[in-house]
């Protein structure tokens, strides 16, 4: 699942965005990551 891969390594709480300061993400990317964690409907999560 992306919450256990992309978001772990590149998401808003990741080292890449924070302590290592390697990635300044598009704000929309970080905002959508929150919805991906909580949304349970598979079709909505896919979108």
ModelCIF file with pLDDT and N, C-alpha, C, O atoms, coordinates in Angstrom:
data_MODEL
#
_entry.id   MODEL 
#
_entity.id                         1 
_entity.type                       polymer 
_entity.pdbx_number_of_molecules   1 
#
_entity_poly.entity_id                      1 
_entity_poly.type                           'polypeptide(L)' 
_entity_poly.nstd_linkage                   no 
_entity_poly.nstd_monomer                   no 
_entity_poly.pdbx_seq_one_letter_code       
;(UNK)(UNK)(UNK)(UNK)(UNK)(UNK)(UNK)(UNK)(UNK)(UNK)(UNK)(UNK)(UNK)(UNK)(UNK)(UNK)
(UNK)(UNK)(UNK)(UNK)(UNK)(UNK)(UNK)(UNK)(UNK)(UNK)(UNK)(UNK)(UNK)(UNK)(UNK)(UNK)
(UNK)(UNK)(UNK)(UNK)(UNK)(UNK)(UNK)(UNK)(UNK)(UNK)(UNK)(UNK)(UNK)(UNK)(UNK)
;
_entity_poly.pdbx_seq_one_letter_code_can   XXXXXXXXXXXXXXXXXXXXXXXXXXXXXXXXXXXXXXXXXXXXXXX 
_entity_poly.pdbx_strand_id                 A 
#
loop_
_entity_poly_seq.entity_id 
_entity_poly_seq.num 
_entity_poly_seq.mon_id 
_entity_poly_seq.hetero 
1 1  UNK n 
1 2  UNK n 
1 3  UNK n 
1 4  UNK n 
1 5  UNK n 
1 6  UNK n 
1 7  UNK n 
1 8  UNK n 
1 9  UNK n 
1 10 UNK n 
1 11 UNK n 
1 12 UNK n 
1 13 UNK n 
1 14 UNK n 
1 15 UNK n 
1 16 UNK n 
1 17 UNK n 
1 18 UNK n 
1 19 UNK n 
1 20 UNK n 
1 21 UNK n 
1 22 UNK n 
1 23 UNK n 
1 24 UNK n 
1 25 UNK n 
1 26 UNK n 
1 27 UNK n 
1 28 UNK n 
1 29 UNK n 
1 30 UNK n 
1 31 UNK n 
1 32 UNK n 
1 33 UNK n 
1 34 UNK n 
1 35 UNK n 
1 36 UNK n 
1 37 UNK n 
1 38 UNK n 
1 39 UNK n 
1 40 UNK n 
1 41 UNK n 
1 42 UNK n 
1 43 UNK n 
1 44 UNK n 
1 45 UNK n 
1 46 UNK n 
1 47 UNK n 
#
_struct_asym.id          A 
_struct_asym.entity_id   1 
#
loop_
_ma_qa_metric.id 
_ma_qa_metric.mode 
_ma_qa_metric.name 
_ma_qa_metric.software_group_id 
_ma_qa_metric.type 
1 global pLDDT . pLDDT 
2 local  pLDDT . pLDDT 
#
_ma_qa_metric_global.metric_id      1 
_ma_qa_metric_global.metric_value   93.13 
_ma_qa_metric_global.model_id       1 
_ma_qa_metric_global.ordinal_id     1 
#
loop_
_ma_qa_metric_local.label_asym_id 
_ma_qa_metric_local.label_comp_id 
_ma_qa_metric_local.label_seq_id 
_ma_qa_metric_local.metric_id 
_ma_qa_metric_local.metric_value 
_ma_qa_metric_local.model_id 
_ma_qa_metric_local.ordinal_id 
A UNK 1  2 91.00 1 1  
A UNK 2  2 93.00 1 2  
A UNK 3  2 89.00 1 3  
A UNK 4  2 85.00 1 4  
A UNK 5  2 90.00 1 5  
A UNK 6  2 96.00 1 6  
A UNK 7  2 93.00 1 7  
A UNK 8  2 89.00 1 8  
A UNK 9  2 94.00 1 9  
A UNK 10 2 97.00 1 10 
A UNK 11 2 95.00 1 11 
A UNK 12 2 93.00 1 12 
A UNK 13 2 89.00 1 13 
A UNK 14 2 92.00 1 14 
A UNK 15 2 92.00 1 15 
A UNK 16 2 96.00 1 16 
A UNK 17 2 96.00 1 17 
A UNK 18 2 94.00 1 18 
A UNK 19 2 93.00 1 19 
A UNK 20 2 95.00 1 20 
A UNK 21 2 96.00 1 21 
A UNK 22 2 97.00 1 22 
A UNK 23 2 98.00 1 23 
A UNK 24 2 97.00 1 24 
A UNK 25 2 97.00 1 25 
A UNK 26 2 97.00 1 26 
A UNK 27 2 97.00 1 27 
A UNK 28 2 98.00 1 28 
A UNK 29 2 98.00 1 29 
A UNK 30 2 97.00 1 30 
A UNK 31 2 96.00 1 31 
A UNK 32 2 97.00 1 32 
A UNK 33 2 94.00 1 33 
A UNK 34 2 89.00 1 34 
A UNK 35 2 91.00 1 35 
A UNK 36 2 92.00 1 36 
A UNK 37 2 86.00 1 37 
A UNK 38 2 84.00 1 38 
A UNK 39 2 88.00 1 39 
A UNK 40 2 84.00 1 40 
A UNK 41 2 90.00 1 41 
A UNK 42 2 88.00 1 42 
A UNK 43 2 93.00 1 43 
A UNK 44 2 95.00 1 44 
A UNK 45 2 94.00 1 45 
A UNK 46 2 95.00 1 46 
A UNK 47 2 97.00 1 47 
#
loop_
_atom_site.group_PDB 
_atom_site.id 
_atom_site.type_symbol 
_atom_site.label_atom_id 
_atom_site.label_alt_id 
_atom_site.label_comp_id 
_atom_site.label_asym_id 
_atom_site.label_entity_id 
_atom_site.label_seq_id 
_atom_site.pdbx_PDB_ins_code 
_atom_site.Cartn_x 
_atom_site.Cartn_y 
_atom_site.Cartn_z 
_atom_site.occupancy 
_atom_site.B_iso_or_equiv 
_atom_site.pdbx_formal_charge 
_atom_site.auth_seq_id 
_atom_site.auth_comp_id 
_atom_site.auth_asym_id 
_atom_site.auth_atom_id 
_atom_site.pdbx_PDB_model_num 
ATOM 1   N N  . UNK A 1 1  ? 0.871   -1.175 0.000  1.00 91.00 ? 1  UNK A N  1 
ATOM 2   C CA . UNK A 1 1  ? 0.000   0.000  0.000  1.00 91.00 ? 1  UNK A CA 1 
ATOM 3   C C  . UNK A 1 1  ? 0.906   1.221  0.000  1.00 91.00 ? 1  UNK A C  1 
ATOM 4   O O  . UNK A 1 1  ? 1.979   1.182  0.601  1.00 91.00 ? 1  UNK A O  1 
ATOM 5   N N  . UNK A 1 2  ? 0.504   2.304  -0.656 1.00 93.00 ? 2  UNK A N  1 
ATOM 6   C CA . UNK A 1 2  ? 1.374   3.497  -0.681 1.00 93.00 ? 2  UNK A CA 1 
ATOM 7   C C  . UNK A 1 2  ? 1.650   4.086  0.693  1.00 93.00 ? 2  UNK A C  1 
ATOM 8   O O  . UNK A 1 2  ? 2.671   4.748  0.879  1.00 93.00 ? 2  UNK A O  1 
ATOM 9   N N  . UNK A 1 3  ? 0.761   3.861  1.665  1.00 89.00 ? 3  UNK A N  1 
ATOM 10  C CA . UNK A 1 3  ? 1.024   4.383  2.999  1.00 89.00 ? 3  UNK A CA 1 
ATOM 11  C C  . UNK A 1 3  ? 2.175   3.649  3.685  1.00 89.00 ? 3  UNK A C  1 
ATOM 12  O O  . UNK A 1 3  ? 2.724   4.129  4.677  1.00 89.00 ? 3  UNK A O  1 
ATOM 13  N N  . UNK A 1 4  ? 2.533   2.485  3.148  1.00 85.00 ? 4  UNK A N  1 
ATOM 14  C CA . UNK A 1 4  ? 3.649   1.742  3.698  1.00 85.00 ? 4  UNK A CA 1 
ATOM 15  C C  . UNK A 1 4  ? 4.852   1.751  2.780  1.00 85.00 ? 4  UNK A C  1 
ATOM 16  O O  . UNK A 1 4  ? 5.794   0.984  2.981  1.00 85.00 ? 4  UNK A O  1 
ATOM 17  N N  . UNK A 1 5  ? 4.831   2.606  1.781  1.00 90.00 ? 5  UNK A N  1 
ATOM 18  C CA . UNK A 1 5  ? 5.952   2.671  0.846  1.00 90.00 ? 5  UNK A CA 1 
ATOM 19  C C  . UNK A 1 5  ? 6.246   4.119  0.481  1.00 90.00 ? 5  UNK A C  1 
ATOM 20  O O  . UNK A 1 5  ? 7.146   4.731  1.057  1.00 90.00 ? 5  UNK A O  1 
ATOM 21  N N  . UNK A 1 6  ? 5.508   4.666  -0.454 1.00 96.00 ? 6  UNK A N  1 
ATOM 22  C CA . UNK A 1 6  ? 5.764   6.042  -0.892 1.00 96.00 ? 6  UNK A CA 1 
ATOM 23  C C  . UNK A 1 6  ? 5.698   7.037  0.265  1.00 96.00 ? 6  UNK A C  1 
ATOM 24  O O  . UNK A 1 6  ? 6.578   7.887  0.403  1.00 96.00 ? 6  UNK A O  1 
ATOM 25  N N  . UNK A 1 7  ? 4.661   6.936  1.097  1.00 93.00 ? 7  UNK A N  1 
ATOM 26  C CA . UNK A 1 7  ? 4.496   7.946  2.149  1.00 93.00 ? 7  UNK A CA 1 
ATOM 27  C C  . UNK A 1 7  ? 5.498   7.759  3.278  1.00 93.00 ? 7  UNK A C  1 
ATOM 28  O O  . UNK A 1 7  ? 5.891   8.729  3.926  1.00 93.00 ? 7  UNK A O  1 
ATOM 29  N N  . UNK A 1 8  ? 5.916   6.518  3.519  1.00 89.00 ? 8  UNK A N  1 
ATOM 30  C CA . UNK A 1 8  ? 6.930   6.285  4.555  1.00 89.00 ? 8  UNK A CA 1 
ATOM 31  C C  . UNK A 1 8  ? 8.234   6.959  4.180  1.00 89.00 ? 8  UNK A C  1 
ATOM 32  O O  . UNK A 1 8  ? 8.897   7.560  5.025  1.00 89.00 ? 8  UNK A O  1 
ATOM 33  N N  . UNK A 1 9  ? 8.603   6.857  2.906  1.00 94.00 ? 9  UNK A N  1 
ATOM 34  C CA . UNK A 1 9  ? 9.922   7.326  2.481  1.00 94.00 ? 9  UNK A CA 1 
ATOM 35  C C  . UNK A 1 9  ? 9.926   8.733  1.898  1.00 94.00 ? 9  UNK A C  1 
ATOM 36  O O  . UNK A 1 9  ? 10.959  9.403  1.895  1.00 94.00 ? 9  UNK A O  1 
ATOM 37  N N  . UNK A 1 10 ? 8.759   9.189  1.397  1.00 97.00 ? 10 UNK A N  1 
ATOM 38  C CA . UNK A 1 10 ? 8.719   10.484 0.726  1.00 97.00 ? 10 UNK A CA 1 
ATOM 39  C C  . UNK A 1 10 ? 7.577   11.393 1.197  1.00 97.00 ? 10 UNK A C  1 
ATOM 40  O O  . UNK A 1 10 ? 7.478   12.536 0.750  1.00 97.00 ? 10 UNK A O  1 
ATOM 41  N N  . UNK A 1 11 ? 6.719   10.901 2.092  1.00 95.00 ? 11 UNK A N  1 
ATOM 42  C CA . UNK A 1 11 ? 5.551   11.663 2.522  1.00 95.00 ? 11 UNK A CA 1 
ATOM 43  C C  . UNK A 1 11 ? 5.874   12.794 3.482  1.00 95.00 ? 11 UNK A C  1 
ATOM 44  O O  . UNK A 1 11 ? 7.042   13.043 3.784  1.00 95.00 ? 11 UNK A O  1 
ATOM 45  N N  . UNK A 1 12 ? 4.838   13.484 3.965  1.00 93.00 ? 12 UNK A N  1 
ATOM 46  C CA . UNK A 1 12 ? 5.044   14.676 4.802  1.00 93.00 ? 12 UNK A CA 1 
ATOM 47  C C  . UNK A 1 12 ? 5.744   14.408 6.127  1.00 93.00 ? 12 UNK A C  1 
ATOM 48  O O  . UNK A 1 12 ? 6.338   15.322 6.699  1.00 93.00 ? 12 UNK A O  1 
ATOM 49  N N  . UNK A 1 13 ? 5.688   13.160 6.633  1.00 89.00 ? 13 UNK A N  1 
ATOM 50  C CA . UNK A 1 13 ? 6.377   12.835 7.888  1.00 89.00 ? 13 UNK A CA 1 
ATOM 51  C C  . UNK A 1 13 ? 7.732   12.159 7.653  1.00 89.00 ? 13 UNK A C  1 
ATOM 52  O O  . UNK A 1 13 ? 8.393   11.753 8.609  1.00 89.00 ? 13 UNK A O  1 
ATOM 53  N N  . UNK A 1 14 ? 8.144   12.038 6.403  1.00 92.00 ? 14 UNK A N  1 
ATOM 54  C CA . UNK A 1 14 ? 9.353   11.283 6.069  1.00 92.00 ? 14 UNK A CA 1 
ATOM 55  C C  . UNK A 1 14 ? 10.626  12.073 6.377  1.00 92.00 ? 14 UNK A C  1 
ATOM 56  O O  . UNK A 1 14 ? 10.611  13.299 6.491  1.00 92.00 ? 14 UNK A O  1 
ATOM 57  N N  . UNK A 1 15 ? 11.718  11.333 6.506  1.00 92.00 ? 15 UNK A N  1 
ATOM 58  C CA . UNK A 1 15 ? 13.026  11.964 6.662  1.00 92.00 ? 15 UNK A CA 1 
ATOM 59  C C  . UNK A 1 15 ? 13.387  12.775 5.427  1.00 92.00 ? 15 UNK A C  1 
ATOM 60  O O  . UNK A 1 15 ? 14.035  13.815 5.536  1.00 92.00 ? 15 UNK A O  1 
ATOM 61  N N  . UNK A 1 16 ? 12.971  12.305 4.249  1.00 96.00 ? 16 UNK A N  1 
ATOM 62  C CA . UNK A 1 16 ? 13.315  13.011 3.011  1.00 96.00 ? 16 UNK A CA 1 
ATOM 63  C C  . UNK A 1 16 ? 12.795  14.439 3.021  1.00 96.00 ? 16 UNK A C  1 
ATOM 64  O O  . UNK A 1 16 ? 13.460  15.356 2.540  1.00 96.00 ? 16 UNK A O  1 
ATOM 65  N N  . UNK A 1 17 ? 11.585  14.623 3.579  1.00 96.00 ? 17 UNK A N  1 
ATOM 66  C CA . UNK A 1 17 ? 11.023  15.968 3.631  1.00 96.00 ? 17 UNK A CA 1 
ATOM 67  C C  . UNK A 1 17 ? 11.449  16.744 4.881  1.00 96.00 ? 17 UNK A C  1 
ATOM 68  O O  . UNK A 1 17 ? 11.387  17.974 4.896  1.00 96.00 ? 17 UNK A O  1 
ATOM 69  N N  . UNK A 1 18 ? 11.874  16.044 5.910  1.00 94.00 ? 18 UNK A N  1 
ATOM 70  C CA . UNK A 1 18 ? 12.125  16.715 7.187  1.00 94.00 ? 18 UNK A CA 1 
ATOM 71  C C  . UNK A 1 18 ? 13.602  16.752 7.559  1.00 94.00 ? 18 UNK A C  1 
ATOM 72  O O  . UNK A 1 18 ? 14.304  17.692 7.183  1.00 94.00 ? 18 UNK A O  1 
ATOM 73  N N  . UNK A 1 19 ? 14.084  15.760 8.284  1.00 93.00 ? 19 UNK A N  1 
ATOM 74  C CA . UNK A 1 19 ? 15.455  15.839 8.793  1.00 93.00 ? 19 UNK A CA 1 
ATOM 75  C C  . UNK A 1 19 ? 16.507  15.902 7.690  1.00 93.00 ? 19 UNK A C  1 
ATOM 76  O O  . UNK A 1 19 ? 17.518  16.589 7.838  1.00 93.00 ? 19 UNK A O  1 
ATOM 77  N N  . UNK A 1 20 ? 16.278  15.188 6.578  1.00 95.00 ? 20 UNK A N  1 
ATOM 78  C CA . UNK A 1 20 ? 17.279  15.186 5.506  1.00 95.00 ? 20 UNK A CA 1 
ATOM 79  C C  . UNK A 1 20 ? 17.108  16.359 4.539  1.00 95.00 ? 20 UNK A C  1 
ATOM 80  O O  . UNK A 1 20 ? 18.044  16.733 3.831  1.00 95.00 ? 20 UNK A O  1 
ATOM 81  N N  . UNK A 1 21 ? 15.915  16.925 4.518  1.00 96.00 ? 21 UNK A N  1 
ATOM 82  C CA . UNK A 1 21 ? 15.624  18.115 3.697  1.00 96.00 ? 21 UNK A CA 1 
ATOM 83  C C  . UNK A 1 21 ? 16.035  17.928 2.233  1.00 96.00 ? 21 UNK A C  1 
ATOM 84  O O  . UNK A 1 21 ? 16.695  18.780 1.638  1.00 96.00 ? 21 UNK A O  1 
ATOM 85  N N  . UNK A 1 22 ? 15.627  16.793 1.679  1.00 97.00 ? 22 UNK A N  1 
ATOM 86  C CA . UNK A 1 22 ? 15.941  16.481 0.291  1.00 97.00 ? 22 UNK A CA 1 
ATOM 87  C C  . UNK A 1 22 ? 14.801  16.821 -0.660 1.00 97.00 ? 22 UNK A C  1 
ATOM 88  O O  . UNK A 1 22 ? 15.019  17.029 -1.854 1.00 97.00 ? 22 UNK A O  1 
ATOM 89  N N  . UNK A 1 23 ? 13.583  16.877 -0.123 1.00 98.00 ? 23 UNK A N  1 
ATOM 90  C CA . UNK A 1 23 ? 12.405  16.975 -0.979 1.00 98.00 ? 23 UNK A CA 1 
ATOM 91  C C  . UNK A 1 23 ? 11.441  18.022 -0.438 1.00 98.00 ? 23 UNK A C  1 
ATOM 92  O O  . UNK A 1 23 ? 10.914  17.894 0.667  1.00 98.00 ? 23 UNK A O  1 
ATOM 93  N N  . UNK A 1 24 ? 11.226  19.052 -1.236 1.00 97.00 ? 24 UNK A N  1 
ATOM 94  C CA . UNK A 1 24 ? 10.186  20.034 -0.933 1.00 97.00 ? 24 UNK A CA 1 
ATOM 95  C C  . UNK A 1 24 ? 9.001   19.702 -1.830 1.00 97.00 ? 24 UNK A C  1 
ATOM 96  O O  . UNK A 1 24 ? 9.021   19.967 -3.032 1.00 97.00 ? 24 UNK A O  1 
ATOM 97  N N  . UNK A 1 25 ? 7.977   19.123 -1.235 1.00 97.00 ? 25 UNK A N  1 
ATOM 98  C CA . UNK A 1 25 ? 6.876   18.562 -2.010 1.00 97.00 ? 25 UNK A CA 1 
ATOM 99  C C  . UNK A 1 25 ? 5.845   19.612 -2.390 1.00 97.00 ? 25 UNK A C  1 
ATOM 100 O O  . UNK A 1 25 ? 5.709   20.649 -1.741 1.00 97.00 ? 25 UNK A O  1 
ATOM 101 N N  . UNK A 1 26 ? 5.130   19.311 -3.455 1.00 97.00 ? 26 UNK A N  1 
ATOM 102 C CA . UNK A 1 26 ? 3.950   20.087 -3.804 1.00 97.00 ? 26 UNK A CA 1 
ATOM 103 C C  . UNK A 1 26 ? 2.972   19.992 -2.632 1.00 97.00 ? 26 UNK A C  1 
ATOM 104 O O  . UNK A 1 26 ? 2.689   18.886 -2.172 1.00 97.00 ? 26 UNK A O  1 
ATOM 105 N N  . UNK A 1 27 ? 2.451   21.106 -2.139 1.00 97.00 ? 27 UNK A N  1 
ATOM 106 C CA . UNK A 1 27 ? 1.533   21.053 -0.984 1.00 97.00 ? 27 UNK A CA 1 
ATOM 107 C C  . UNK A 1 27 ? 0.334   20.138 -1.202 1.00 97.00 ? 27 UNK A C  1 
ATOM 108 O O  . UNK A 1 27 ? -0.164  19.538 -0.249 1.00 97.00 ? 27 UNK A O  1 
ATOM 109 N N  . UNK A 1 28 ? -0.134  20.023 -2.438 1.00 98.00 ? 28 UNK A N  1 
ATOM 110 C CA . UNK A 1 28 ? -1.276  19.144 -2.713 1.00 98.00 ? 28 UNK A CA 1 
ATOM 111 C C  . UNK A 1 28 ? -0.913  17.686 -2.457 1.00 98.00 ? 28 UNK A C  1 
ATOM 112 O O  . UNK A 1 28 ? -1.745  16.915 -1.977 1.00 98.00 ? 28 UNK A O  1 
ATOM 113 N N  . UNK A 1 29 ? 0.318   17.303 -2.771 1.00 98.00 ? 29 UNK A N  1 
ATOM 114 C CA . UNK A 1 29 ? 0.781   15.944 -2.520 1.00 98.00 ? 29 UNK A CA 1 
ATOM 115 C C  . UNK A 1 29 ? 0.694   15.628 -1.036 1.00 98.00 ? 29 UNK A C  1 
ATOM 116 O O  . UNK A 1 29 ? 0.203   14.564 -0.658 1.00 98.00 ? 29 UNK A O  1 
ATOM 117 N N  . UNK A 1 30 ? 1.161   16.533 -0.194 1.00 97.00 ? 30 UNK A N  1 
ATOM 118 C CA . UNK A 1 30 ? 1.125   16.296 1.250  1.00 97.00 ? 30 UNK A CA 1 
ATOM 119 C C  . UNK A 1 30 ? -0.297  16.299 1.792  1.00 97.00 ? 30 UNK A C  1 
ATOM 120 O O  . UNK A 1 30 ? -0.614  15.554 2.719  1.00 97.00 ? 30 UNK A O  1 
ATOM 121 N N  . UNK A 1 31 ? -1.135  17.121 1.225  1.00 96.00 ? 31 UNK A N  1 
ATOM 122 C CA . UNK A 1 31 ? -2.521  17.174 1.688  1.00 96.00 ? 31 UNK A CA 1 
ATOM 123 C C  . UNK A 1 31 ? -3.263  15.892 1.328  1.00 96.00 ? 31 UNK A C  1 
ATOM 124 O O  . UNK A 1 31 ? -4.019  15.363 2.143  1.00 96.00 ? 31 UNK A O  1 
ATOM 125 N N  . UNK A 1 32 ? -3.056  15.394 0.125  1.00 97.00 ? 32 UNK A N  1 
ATOM 126 C CA . UNK A 1 32 ? -3.719  14.165 -0.303 1.00 97.00 ? 32 UNK A CA 1 
ATOM 127 C C  . UNK A 1 32 ? -3.227  12.954 0.484  1.00 97.00 ? 32 UNK A C  1 
ATOM 128 O O  . UNK A 1 32 ? -3.963  11.982 0.657  1.00 97.00 ? 32 UNK A O  1 
ATOM 129 N N  . UNK A 1 33 ? -2.007  13.010 0.953  1.00 94.00 ? 33 UNK A N  1 
ATOM 130 C CA . UNK A 1 33 ? -1.480  11.873 1.716  1.00 94.00 ? 33 UNK A CA 1 
ATOM 131 C C  . UNK A 1 33 ? -2.305  11.633 2.973  1.00 94.00 ? 33 UNK A C  1 
ATOM 132 O O  . UNK A 1 33 ? -2.482  10.487 3.388  1.00 94.00 ? 33 UNK A O  1 
ATOM 133 N N  . UNK A 1 34 ? -2.807  12.695 3.577  1.00 89.00 ? 34 UNK A N  1 
ATOM 134 C CA . UNK A 1 34 ? -3.628  12.551 4.780  1.00 89.00 ? 34 UNK A CA 1 
ATOM 135 C C  . UNK A 1 34 ? -4.925  11.809 4.454  1.00 89.00 ? 34 UNK A C  1 
ATOM 136 O O  . UNK A 1 34 ? -5.372  10.956 5.221  1.00 89.00 ? 34 UNK A O  1 
ATOM 137 N N  . UNK A 1 35 ? -5.521  12.143 3.312  1.00 91.00 ? 35 UNK A N  1 
ATOM 138 C CA . UNK A 1 35 ? -6.761  11.481 2.911  1.00 91.00 ? 35 UNK A CA 1 
ATOM 139 C C  . UNK A 1 35 ? -6.525  10.013 2.596  1.00 91.00 ? 35 UNK A C  1 
ATOM 140 O O  . UNK A 1 35 ? -7.392  9.175  2.843  1.00 91.00 ? 35 UNK A O  1 
ATOM 141 N N  . UNK A 1 36 ? -5.364  9.699  2.054  1.00 92.00 ? 36 UNK A N  1 
ATOM 142 C CA . UNK A 1 36 ? -5.068  8.313  1.708  1.00 92.00 ? 36 UNK A CA 1 
ATOM 143 C C  . UNK A 1 36 ? -4.989  7.433  2.950  1.00 92.00 ? 36 UNK A C  1 
ATOM 144 O O  . UNK A 1 36 ? -5.351  6.257  2.904  1.00 92.00 ? 36 UNK A O  1 
ATOM 145 N N  . UNK A 1 37 ? -4.521  7.995  4.051  1.00 86.00 ? 37 UNK A N  1 
ATOM 146 C CA . UNK A 1 37 ? -4.429  7.234  5.303  1.00 86.00 ? 37 UNK A CA 1 
ATOM 147 C C  . UNK A 1 37 ? -5.814  6.880  5.848  1.00 86.00 ? 37 UNK A C  1 
ATOM 148 O O  . UNK A 1 37 ? -6.008  5.799  6.405  1.00 86.00 ? 37 UNK A O  1 
ATOM 149 N N  . UNK A 1 38 ? -6.768  7.787  5.687  1.00 84.00 ? 38 UNK A N  1 
ATOM 150 C CA . UNK A 1 38 ? -8.044  7.621  6.387  1.00 84.00 ? 38 UNK A CA 1 
ATOM 151 C C  . UNK A 1 38 ? -9.174  7.101  5.509  1.00 84.00 ? 38 UNK A C  1 
ATOM 152 O O  . UNK A 1 38 ? -10.129 6.521  6.025  1.00 84.00 ? 38 UNK A O  1 
ATOM 153 N N  . UNK A 1 39 ? -9.090  7.294  4.201  1.00 88.00 ? 39 UNK A N  1 
ATOM 154 C CA . UNK A 1 39 ? -10.166 6.862  3.311  1.00 88.00 ? 39 UNK A CA 1 
ATOM 155 C C  . UNK A 1 39 ? -10.194 5.332  3.219  1.00 88.00 ? 39 UNK A C  1 
ATOM 156 O O  . UNK A 1 39 ? -9.161  4.700  2.998  1.00 88.00 ? 39 UNK A O  1 
ATOM 157 N N  . UNK A 1 40 ? -11.371 4.748  3.389  1.00 84.00 ? 40 UNK A N  1 
ATOM 158 C CA . UNK A 1 40 ? -11.497 3.291  3.352  1.00 84.00 ? 40 UNK A CA 1 
ATOM 159 C C  . UNK A 1 40 ? -12.111 2.778  2.054  1.00 84.00 ? 40 UNK A C  1 
ATOM 160 O O  . UNK A 1 40 ? -12.005 1.586  1.766  1.00 84.00 ? 40 UNK A O  1 
ATOM 161 N N  . UNK A 1 41 ? -12.754 3.647  1.256  1.00 90.00 ? 41 UNK A N  1 
ATOM 162 C CA . UNK A 1 41 ? -13.370 3.219  0.012  1.00 90.00 ? 41 UNK A CA 1 
ATOM 163 C C  . UNK A 1 41 ? -12.292 2.983  -1.051 1.00 90.00 ? 41 UNK A C  1 
ATOM 164 O O  . UNK A 1 41 ? -11.571 3.920  -1.392 1.00 90.00 ? 41 UNK A O  1 
ATOM 165 N N  . UNK A 1 42 ? -12.157 1.750  -1.594 1.00 88.00 ? 42 UNK A N  1 
ATOM 166 C CA . UNK A 1 42 ? -11.081 1.439  -2.545 1.00 88.00 ? 42 UNK A CA 1 
ATOM 167 C C  . UNK A 1 42 ? -11.090 2.333  -3.794 1.00 88.00 ? 42 UNK A C  1 
ATOM 168 O O  . UNK A 1 42 ? -10.028 2.745  -4.261 1.00 88.00 ? 42 UNK A O  1 
ATOM 169 N N  . UNK A 1 43 ? -12.264 2.634  -4.332 1.00 93.00 ? 43 UNK A N  1 
ATOM 170 C CA . UNK A 1 43 ? -12.344 3.456  -5.543 1.00 93.00 ? 43 UNK A CA 1 
ATOM 171 C C  . UNK A 1 43 ? -11.834 4.878  -5.272 1.00 93.00 ? 43 UNK A C  1 
ATOM 172 O O  . UNK A 1 43 ? -11.124 5.461  -6.091 1.00 93.00 ? 43 UNK A O  1 
ATOM 173 N N  . UNK A 1 44 ? -12.206 5.416  -4.118 1.00 95.00 ? 44 UNK A N  1 
ATOM 174 C CA . UNK A 1 44 ? -11.752 6.775  -3.774 1.00 95.00 ? 44 UNK A CA 1 
ATOM 175 C C  . UNK A 1 44 ? -10.246 6.788  -3.504 1.00 95.00 ? 44 UNK A C  1 
ATOM 176 O O  . UNK A 1 44 ? -9.544  7.723  -3.889 1.00 95.00 ? 44 UNK A O  1 
ATOM 177 N N  . UNK A 1 45 ? -9.762  5.738  -2.838 1.00 94.00 ? 45 UNK A N  1 
ATOM 178 C CA . UNK A 1 45 ? -8.320  5.660  -2.579 1.00 94.00 ? 45 UNK A CA 1 
ATOM 179 C C  . UNK A 1 45 ? -7.549  5.551  -3.899 1.00 94.00 ? 45 UNK A C  1 
ATOM 180 O O  . UNK A 1 45 ? -6.468  6.125  -4.026 1.00 94.00 ? 45 UNK A O  1 
ATOM 181 N N  . UNK A 1 46 ? -8.082  4.834  -4.866 1.00 95.00 ? 46 UNK A N  1 
ATOM 182 C CA . UNK A 1 46 ? -7.436  4.695  -6.172 1.00 95.00 ? 46 UNK A CA 1 
ATOM 183 C C  . UNK A 1 46 ? -7.319  6.056  -6.860 1.00 95.00 ? 46 UNK A C  1 
ATOM 184 O O  . UNK A 1 46 ? -6.276  6.388  -7.424 1.00 95.00 ? 46 UNK A O  1 
ATOM 185 N N  . UNK A 1 47 ? -8.392  6.835  -6.807 1.00 97.00 ? 47 UNK A N  1 
ATOM 186 C CA . UNK A 1 47 ? -8.395  8.166  -7.430 1.00 97.00 ? 47 UNK A CA 1 
ATOM 187 C C  . UNK A 1 47 ? -7.383  9.081  -6.739 1.00 97.00 ? 47 UNK A C  1 
ATOM 188 O O  . UNK A 1 47 ? -7.240  10.242 -7.121 1.00 97.00 ? 47 UNK A O  1 
#
